């Protein structure tokens, strides 16, 4: 599954974007990444890949707020302005759209960020004591 290129850096055959959209393991792309709704497995149920270091932080939430907020605003203007929808129906429609859209987008964006993290071998930064003294 892993190949090496000229820099001896492991290259994974699974596209991080395909793994993110499908919300599957970034290593095997066969097993689901989440159990429940948004909880990431500690290890992949399919291949046993260690997912405990997966930490997308708040990046997924920020993207969802910005993208879904813009979509809700445009949809609200269209429904109210062009279709003359009553306020109660507009609030109900946008509320359902925001709720379903946010859960779906959080799964996709969180899975994509996790897959990109493993694809690029991202880790917590640290300072080497020997290099810091020189």
N, C-alpha and C. Protein backbone atom coordinates (compact mmCIF):
# COMPACT_ATOMS: atom_id res chain seq x y z
N UNK A 1 0.82 -1.19 0.00
CA UNK A 1 0.00 0.00 0.00
C UNK A 1 0.87 1.26 0.00
N UNK A 2 2.03 1.18 0.61
CA UNK A 2 2.92 2.33 0.64
C UNK A 2 4.03 2.18 -0.39
N UNK A 3 4.29 3.23 -1.11
CA UNK A 3 5.38 3.24 -2.08
C UNK A 3 6.36 4.32 -1.64
N UNK A 4 7.60 4.20 -2.06
CA UNK A 4 8.58 5.23 -1.76
C UNK A 4 8.97 5.91 -3.05
N UNK A 5 9.19 7.20 -2.97
CA UNK A 5 9.64 7.94 -4.14
C UNK A 5 11.10 8.32 -3.94
N UNK A 6 11.60 9.22 -4.77
CA UNK A 6 13.03 9.53 -4.75
C UNK A 6 13.50 10.16 -3.45
N UNK A 7 12.62 10.72 -2.63
CA UNK A 7 13.04 11.32 -1.37
C UNK A 7 12.83 10.37 -0.20
N UNK A 8 12.43 9.11 -0.47
CA UNK A 8 12.19 8.09 0.55
C UNK A 8 11.09 8.51 1.52
N UNK A 9 10.21 9.38 1.08
CA UNK A 9 9.06 9.76 1.88
C UNK A 9 7.90 8.87 1.47
N UNK A 10 7.21 8.23 2.41
CA UNK A 10 6.12 7.34 2.03
C UNK A 10 5.01 8.10 1.31
N UNK A 11 4.50 7.49 0.25
CA UNK A 11 3.40 8.10 -0.50
C UNK A 11 2.23 7.15 -0.45
N UNK A 12 1.10 7.64 -0.02
CA UNK A 12 -0.07 6.81 0.11
C UNK A 12 -0.85 6.80 -1.20
N UNK A 13 -1.44 5.67 -1.49
CA UNK A 13 -2.16 5.53 -2.75
C UNK A 13 -3.59 6.06 -2.66
N UNK A 14 -4.08 6.34 -1.46
CA UNK A 14 -5.44 6.83 -1.28
C UNK A 14 -5.44 8.35 -1.38
N UNK A 15 -6.30 8.89 -2.23
CA UNK A 15 -6.42 10.34 -2.34
C UNK A 15 -7.06 10.89 -1.07
N UNK A 16 -6.46 11.92 -0.43
CA UNK A 16 -7.07 12.45 0.78
C UNK A 16 -8.42 13.11 0.53
N UNK A 17 -8.63 13.61 -0.67
CA UNK A 17 -9.91 14.26 -0.99
C UNK A 17 -11.01 13.24 -1.19
N UNK A 18 -10.70 12.12 -1.85
CA UNK A 18 -11.69 11.06 -2.01
C UNK A 18 -12.01 10.44 -0.66
N UNK A 19 -11.00 10.22 0.17
CA UNK A 19 -11.24 9.67 1.51
C UNK A 19 -12.06 10.64 2.35
N UNK A 20 -11.84 11.94 2.17
CA UNK A 20 -12.60 12.93 2.93
C UNK A 20 -14.05 13.00 2.51
N UNK A 21 -14.30 13.00 1.22
CA UNK A 21 -15.68 13.08 0.74
C UNK A 21 -16.47 11.83 1.13
N UNK A 22 -15.81 10.67 1.09
CA UNK A 22 -16.48 9.43 1.45
C UNK A 22 -16.46 9.18 2.96
N UNK A 23 -15.70 9.97 3.72
CA UNK A 23 -15.54 9.81 5.17
C UNK A 23 -15.07 8.41 5.53
N UNK A 24 -13.98 7.98 4.87
CA UNK A 24 -13.42 6.65 5.11
C UNK A 24 -11.98 6.79 5.62
N UNK A 25 -11.42 5.69 6.03
CA UNK A 25 -10.04 5.65 6.55
C UNK A 25 -9.07 6.20 5.51
N UNK A 26 -8.15 7.10 5.91
CA UNK A 26 -7.19 7.65 4.95
C UNK A 26 -6.10 6.66 4.54
N UNK A 27 -6.06 5.51 5.16
CA UNK A 27 -5.03 4.52 4.82
C UNK A 27 -5.55 3.46 3.85
N UNK A 28 -6.75 2.91 4.13
CA UNK A 28 -7.27 1.83 3.29
C UNK A 28 -8.46 2.25 2.44
N UNK A 29 -9.13 3.32 2.79
CA UNK A 29 -10.31 3.83 2.08
C UNK A 29 -11.43 2.80 1.99
N UNK A 30 -11.45 1.83 2.90
CA UNK A 30 -12.49 0.82 2.86
C UNK A 30 -13.40 0.88 4.08
N UNK A 31 -12.88 1.28 5.22
CA UNK A 31 -13.65 1.28 6.46
C UNK A 31 -14.09 2.70 6.80
N UNK A 32 -15.20 2.85 7.52
CA UNK A 32 -15.65 4.19 7.91
C UNK A 32 -14.69 4.84 8.89
N UNK A 33 -14.59 6.16 8.82
CA UNK A 33 -13.71 6.93 9.71
C UNK A 33 -14.41 7.25 11.02
N UNK A 34 -15.73 7.42 10.98
CA UNK A 34 -16.48 7.86 12.15
C UNK A 34 -17.37 6.76 12.70
N UNK A 35 -17.52 6.75 14.01
CA UNK A 35 -18.60 6.01 14.64
C UNK A 35 -19.47 7.05 15.32
N UNK A 36 -20.71 6.73 15.57
CA UNK A 36 -21.73 7.72 15.94
C UNK A 36 -21.83 8.73 14.80
N UNK A 37 -21.80 10.00 15.08
CA UNK A 37 -21.93 10.96 14.00
C UNK A 37 -20.59 11.59 13.66
N UNK A 38 -19.87 12.10 14.67
CA UNK A 38 -18.63 12.82 14.41
C UNK A 38 -17.44 12.32 15.23
N UNK A 39 -17.54 11.16 15.84
CA UNK A 39 -16.43 10.63 16.64
C UNK A 39 -15.54 9.75 15.77
N UNK A 40 -14.24 10.05 15.79
CA UNK A 40 -13.28 9.31 14.98
C UNK A 40 -12.86 8.05 15.74
N UNK A 41 -12.79 6.92 15.01
CA UNK A 41 -12.29 5.67 15.61
C UNK A 41 -10.85 5.87 16.06
N UNK A 42 -10.45 5.16 17.13
CA UNK A 42 -9.06 5.18 17.59
C UNK A 42 -8.17 4.44 16.60
N UNK A 43 -8.65 3.31 16.10
CA UNK A 43 -7.97 2.54 15.07
C UNK A 43 -8.99 2.18 14.00
N UNK A 44 -8.53 2.06 12.78
CA UNK A 44 -9.42 1.72 11.68
C UNK A 44 -9.98 0.32 11.88
N UNK A 45 -11.30 0.16 11.80
CA UNK A 45 -11.87 -1.18 11.96
C UNK A 45 -11.53 -2.13 10.80
N UNK A 46 -11.11 -1.58 9.67
CA UNK A 46 -10.78 -2.42 8.52
C UNK A 46 -9.34 -2.86 8.46
N UNK A 47 -8.41 -1.90 8.61
CA UNK A 47 -6.99 -2.23 8.43
C UNK A 47 -6.16 -2.09 9.71
N UNK A 48 -6.74 -1.57 10.79
CA UNK A 48 -6.02 -1.43 12.04
C UNK A 48 -5.10 -0.20 12.09
N UNK A 49 -5.21 0.72 11.12
CA UNK A 49 -4.38 1.92 11.08
C UNK A 49 -4.67 2.79 12.30
N UNK A 50 -3.63 3.29 12.95
CA UNK A 50 -3.77 4.09 14.16
C UNK A 50 -4.27 5.49 13.81
N UNK A 51 -5.48 5.81 14.25
CA UNK A 51 -6.08 7.12 13.99
C UNK A 51 -6.10 7.99 15.25
N UNK A 52 -5.44 7.54 16.31
CA UNK A 52 -5.49 8.27 17.58
C UNK A 52 -4.82 9.63 17.50
N UNK A 53 -3.90 9.82 16.57
CA UNK A 53 -3.22 11.11 16.44
C UNK A 53 -4.00 12.10 15.58
N UNK A 54 -5.16 11.68 15.06
CA UNK A 54 -5.95 12.55 14.19
C UNK A 54 -6.52 13.71 15.01
N UNK A 55 -6.14 14.92 14.62
CA UNK A 55 -6.61 16.11 15.33
C UNK A 55 -6.83 17.24 14.33
N UNK A 56 -8.04 17.36 13.79
CA UNK A 56 -8.29 18.45 12.85
C UNK A 56 -8.47 19.80 13.52
N UNK A 57 -8.55 19.82 14.85
CA UNK A 57 -8.73 21.08 15.56
C UNK A 57 -10.07 21.72 15.24
N UNK A 58 -10.08 23.05 15.18
CA UNK A 58 -11.31 23.78 14.88
C UNK A 58 -11.42 24.16 13.42
N UNK A 59 -10.53 23.64 12.59
CA UNK A 59 -10.53 24.01 11.18
C UNK A 59 -11.82 23.66 10.47
N UNK A 60 -12.35 22.46 10.73
CA UNK A 60 -13.58 22.04 10.06
C UNK A 60 -14.75 22.92 10.44
N UNK A 61 -14.85 23.29 11.71
CA UNK A 61 -15.96 24.13 12.16
C UNK A 61 -15.90 25.50 11.52
N UNK A 62 -14.72 26.05 11.38
CA UNK A 62 -14.57 27.37 10.77
C UNK A 62 -15.02 27.34 9.31
N UNK A 63 -14.59 26.32 8.57
CA UNK A 63 -15.00 26.20 7.17
C UNK A 63 -16.51 26.05 7.06
N UNK A 64 -17.09 25.23 7.92
CA UNK A 64 -18.54 25.00 7.86
C UNK A 64 -19.30 26.28 8.16
N UNK A 65 -18.87 27.02 9.16
CA UNK A 65 -19.56 28.28 9.50
C UNK A 65 -19.50 29.25 8.33
N UNK A 66 -18.34 29.40 7.74
CA UNK A 66 -18.21 30.35 6.64
C UNK A 66 -18.98 29.92 5.39
N UNK A 67 -18.83 28.68 4.99
CA UNK A 67 -19.48 28.21 3.77
C UNK A 67 -20.98 28.11 3.96
N UNK A 68 -21.42 27.48 5.03
CA UNK A 68 -22.85 27.29 5.24
C UNK A 68 -23.55 28.61 5.56
N UNK A 69 -22.87 29.50 6.25
CA UNK A 69 -23.46 30.82 6.50
C UNK A 69 -23.72 31.58 5.22
N UNK A 70 -22.78 31.54 4.30
CA UNK A 70 -22.97 32.19 3.01
C UNK A 70 -24.09 31.54 2.21
N UNK A 71 -24.14 30.21 2.22
CA UNK A 71 -25.20 29.51 1.49
C UNK A 71 -26.59 29.80 2.09
N UNK A 72 -26.68 29.85 3.41
CA UNK A 72 -27.96 30.17 4.05
C UNK A 72 -28.40 31.60 3.74
N UNK A 73 -27.46 32.52 3.72
CA UNK A 73 -27.81 33.91 3.40
C UNK A 73 -28.33 34.02 1.97
N UNK A 74 -27.65 33.40 1.03
CA UNK A 74 -28.09 33.46 -0.37
C UNK A 74 -29.45 32.76 -0.52
N UNK A 75 -29.59 31.59 0.09
CA UNK A 75 -30.86 30.87 0.01
C UNK A 75 -31.99 31.68 0.65
N UNK A 76 -31.71 32.33 1.77
CA UNK A 76 -32.72 33.17 2.42
C UNK A 76 -33.16 34.33 1.55
N UNK A 77 -32.21 34.99 0.89
CA UNK A 77 -32.57 36.09 -0.01
C UNK A 77 -33.40 35.59 -1.19
N UNK A 78 -33.05 34.44 -1.73
CA UNK A 78 -33.79 33.89 -2.87
C UNK A 78 -35.20 33.50 -2.45
N UNK A 79 -35.31 32.76 -1.34
CA UNK A 79 -36.63 32.30 -0.91
C UNK A 79 -37.55 33.45 -0.50
N UNK A 80 -37.01 34.44 0.17
CA UNK A 80 -37.84 35.56 0.63
C UNK A 80 -38.06 36.59 -0.46
N UNK A 81 -36.99 36.90 -1.19
CA UNK A 81 -37.09 37.96 -2.19
C UNK A 81 -37.77 37.54 -3.47
N UNK A 82 -37.36 36.43 -4.03
CA UNK A 82 -37.92 36.01 -5.31
C UNK A 82 -39.20 35.19 -5.19
N UNK A 83 -39.26 34.34 -4.19
CA UNK A 83 -40.43 33.46 -4.06
C UNK A 83 -41.46 33.98 -3.07
N UNK A 84 -41.16 35.06 -2.35
CA UNK A 84 -42.07 35.68 -1.37
C UNK A 84 -42.58 34.64 -0.35
N UNK A 85 -41.67 33.86 0.18
CA UNK A 85 -42.00 32.82 1.15
C UNK A 85 -42.33 33.47 2.49
N UNK A 86 -43.33 32.98 3.22
CA UNK A 86 -43.64 33.54 4.55
C UNK A 86 -42.46 33.34 5.51
N UNK A 87 -42.37 34.22 6.50
CA UNK A 87 -41.24 34.20 7.43
C UNK A 87 -41.16 32.88 8.19
N UNK A 88 -42.29 32.33 8.64
CA UNK A 88 -42.26 31.08 9.39
C UNK A 88 -41.74 29.92 8.52
N UNK A 89 -42.13 29.89 7.27
CA UNK A 89 -41.66 28.84 6.37
C UNK A 89 -40.19 29.03 6.04
N UNK A 90 -39.79 30.29 5.92
CA UNK A 90 -38.38 30.60 5.66
C UNK A 90 -37.50 30.15 6.82
N UNK A 91 -37.93 30.45 8.05
CA UNK A 91 -37.17 30.05 9.24
C UNK A 91 -37.10 28.53 9.34
N UNK A 92 -38.20 27.85 9.07
CA UNK A 92 -38.21 26.39 9.13
C UNK A 92 -37.30 25.79 8.06
N UNK A 93 -37.39 26.29 6.84
CA UNK A 93 -36.58 25.79 5.74
C UNK A 93 -35.10 26.01 5.98
N UNK A 94 -34.73 27.23 6.39
CA UNK A 94 -33.32 27.53 6.62
C UNK A 94 -32.79 26.79 7.85
N UNK A 95 -33.63 26.59 8.86
CA UNK A 95 -33.20 25.85 10.04
C UNK A 95 -32.88 24.40 9.72
N UNK A 96 -33.75 23.76 8.94
CA UNK A 96 -33.51 22.37 8.54
C UNK A 96 -32.29 22.29 7.63
N UNK A 97 -32.20 23.23 6.68
CA UNK A 97 -31.05 23.26 5.77
C UNK A 97 -29.74 23.43 6.54
N UNK A 98 -29.73 24.33 7.51
CA UNK A 98 -28.52 24.58 8.30
C UNK A 98 -28.17 23.37 9.17
N UNK A 99 -29.17 22.73 9.76
CA UNK A 99 -28.91 21.58 10.62
C UNK A 99 -28.36 20.40 9.83
N UNK A 100 -29.05 20.01 8.77
CA UNK A 100 -28.59 18.88 7.97
C UNK A 100 -27.29 19.21 7.25
N UNK A 101 -27.19 20.41 6.71
CA UNK A 101 -25.98 20.81 6.00
C UNK A 101 -24.77 20.87 6.90
N UNK A 102 -24.94 21.34 8.14
CA UNK A 102 -23.79 21.46 9.03
C UNK A 102 -23.26 20.10 9.46
N UNK A 103 -24.15 19.14 9.74
CA UNK A 103 -23.68 17.80 10.12
C UNK A 103 -22.96 17.15 8.95
N UNK A 104 -23.55 17.22 7.76
CA UNK A 104 -22.92 16.60 6.58
C UNK A 104 -21.58 17.27 6.28
N UNK A 105 -21.55 18.61 6.28
CA UNK A 105 -20.31 19.32 5.96
C UNK A 105 -19.24 19.09 7.03
N UNK A 106 -19.63 19.00 8.29
CA UNK A 106 -18.64 18.73 9.34
C UNK A 106 -18.00 17.36 9.14
N UNK A 107 -18.79 16.36 8.76
CA UNK A 107 -18.22 15.04 8.51
C UNK A 107 -17.22 15.09 7.35
N UNK A 108 -17.61 15.74 6.25
CA UNK A 108 -16.75 15.79 5.07
C UNK A 108 -15.50 16.61 5.34
N UNK A 109 -15.64 17.80 5.92
CA UNK A 109 -14.48 18.66 6.15
C UNK A 109 -13.54 18.07 7.20
N UNK A 110 -14.10 17.49 8.27
CA UNK A 110 -13.27 16.89 9.30
C UNK A 110 -12.51 15.68 8.73
N UNK A 111 -13.19 14.85 7.95
CA UNK A 111 -12.53 13.69 7.35
C UNK A 111 -11.46 14.12 6.35
N UNK A 112 -11.71 15.19 5.60
CA UNK A 112 -10.71 15.68 4.64
C UNK A 112 -9.49 16.22 5.37
N UNK A 113 -9.69 16.99 6.43
CA UNK A 113 -8.56 17.51 7.18
C UNK A 113 -7.74 16.39 7.82
N UNK A 114 -8.41 15.35 8.33
CA UNK A 114 -7.70 14.21 8.91
C UNK A 114 -6.92 13.47 7.83
N UNK A 115 -7.55 13.26 6.68
CA UNK A 115 -6.87 12.56 5.59
C UNK A 115 -5.67 13.36 5.09
N UNK A 116 -5.80 14.67 4.99
CA UNK A 116 -4.67 15.51 4.58
C UNK A 116 -3.56 15.48 5.62
N UNK A 117 -3.92 15.44 6.89
CA UNK A 117 -2.93 15.37 7.96
C UNK A 117 -2.10 14.09 7.84
N UNK A 118 -2.73 12.97 7.60
CA UNK A 118 -2.00 11.72 7.45
C UNK A 118 -1.27 11.64 6.11
N UNK A 119 -1.84 12.23 5.07
CA UNK A 119 -1.20 12.21 3.76
C UNK A 119 0.13 12.95 3.77
N UNK A 120 0.18 14.07 4.49
CA UNK A 120 1.39 14.89 4.54
C UNK A 120 2.22 14.63 5.79
N UNK A 121 1.87 13.58 6.55
CA UNK A 121 2.59 13.22 7.77
C UNK A 121 2.75 14.40 8.73
N UNK A 122 1.69 15.17 8.92
CA UNK A 122 1.72 16.33 9.81
C UNK A 122 1.75 15.85 11.26
N UNK A 123 2.58 16.50 12.05
CA UNK A 123 2.72 16.17 13.46
C UNK A 123 2.81 17.45 14.27
N UNK A 124 2.71 17.29 15.59
CA UNK A 124 2.86 18.42 16.49
C UNK A 124 4.29 18.94 16.39
N UNK A 125 4.44 20.25 16.30
CA UNK A 125 5.76 20.84 16.22
C UNK A 125 6.51 20.76 17.54
N UNK A 126 7.82 20.64 17.47
CA UNK A 126 8.64 20.59 18.68
C UNK A 126 9.97 21.28 18.41
N UNK A 127 10.60 21.70 19.47
CA UNK A 127 11.89 22.37 19.37
C UNK A 127 12.96 21.39 19.83
N UNK A 128 13.95 21.17 18.98
CA UNK A 128 15.06 20.29 19.34
C UNK A 128 16.03 21.11 20.19
N UNK A 129 16.37 20.62 21.36
CA UNK A 129 17.23 21.35 22.30
C UNK A 129 18.62 21.61 21.70
N UNK A 130 19.18 20.67 20.94
CA UNK A 130 20.51 20.84 20.36
C UNK A 130 20.51 21.95 19.31
N UNK A 131 19.46 21.98 18.46
CA UNK A 131 19.39 22.99 17.42
C UNK A 131 19.05 24.36 17.99
N UNK A 132 18.30 24.40 19.10
CA UNK A 132 17.91 25.67 19.69
C UNK A 132 19.10 26.38 20.32
N UNK A 133 20.09 25.64 20.82
CA UNK A 133 21.25 26.25 21.47
C UNK A 133 22.24 26.82 20.47
N UNK A 134 22.26 26.31 19.26
CA UNK A 134 23.25 26.78 18.29
C UNK A 134 22.75 27.90 17.43
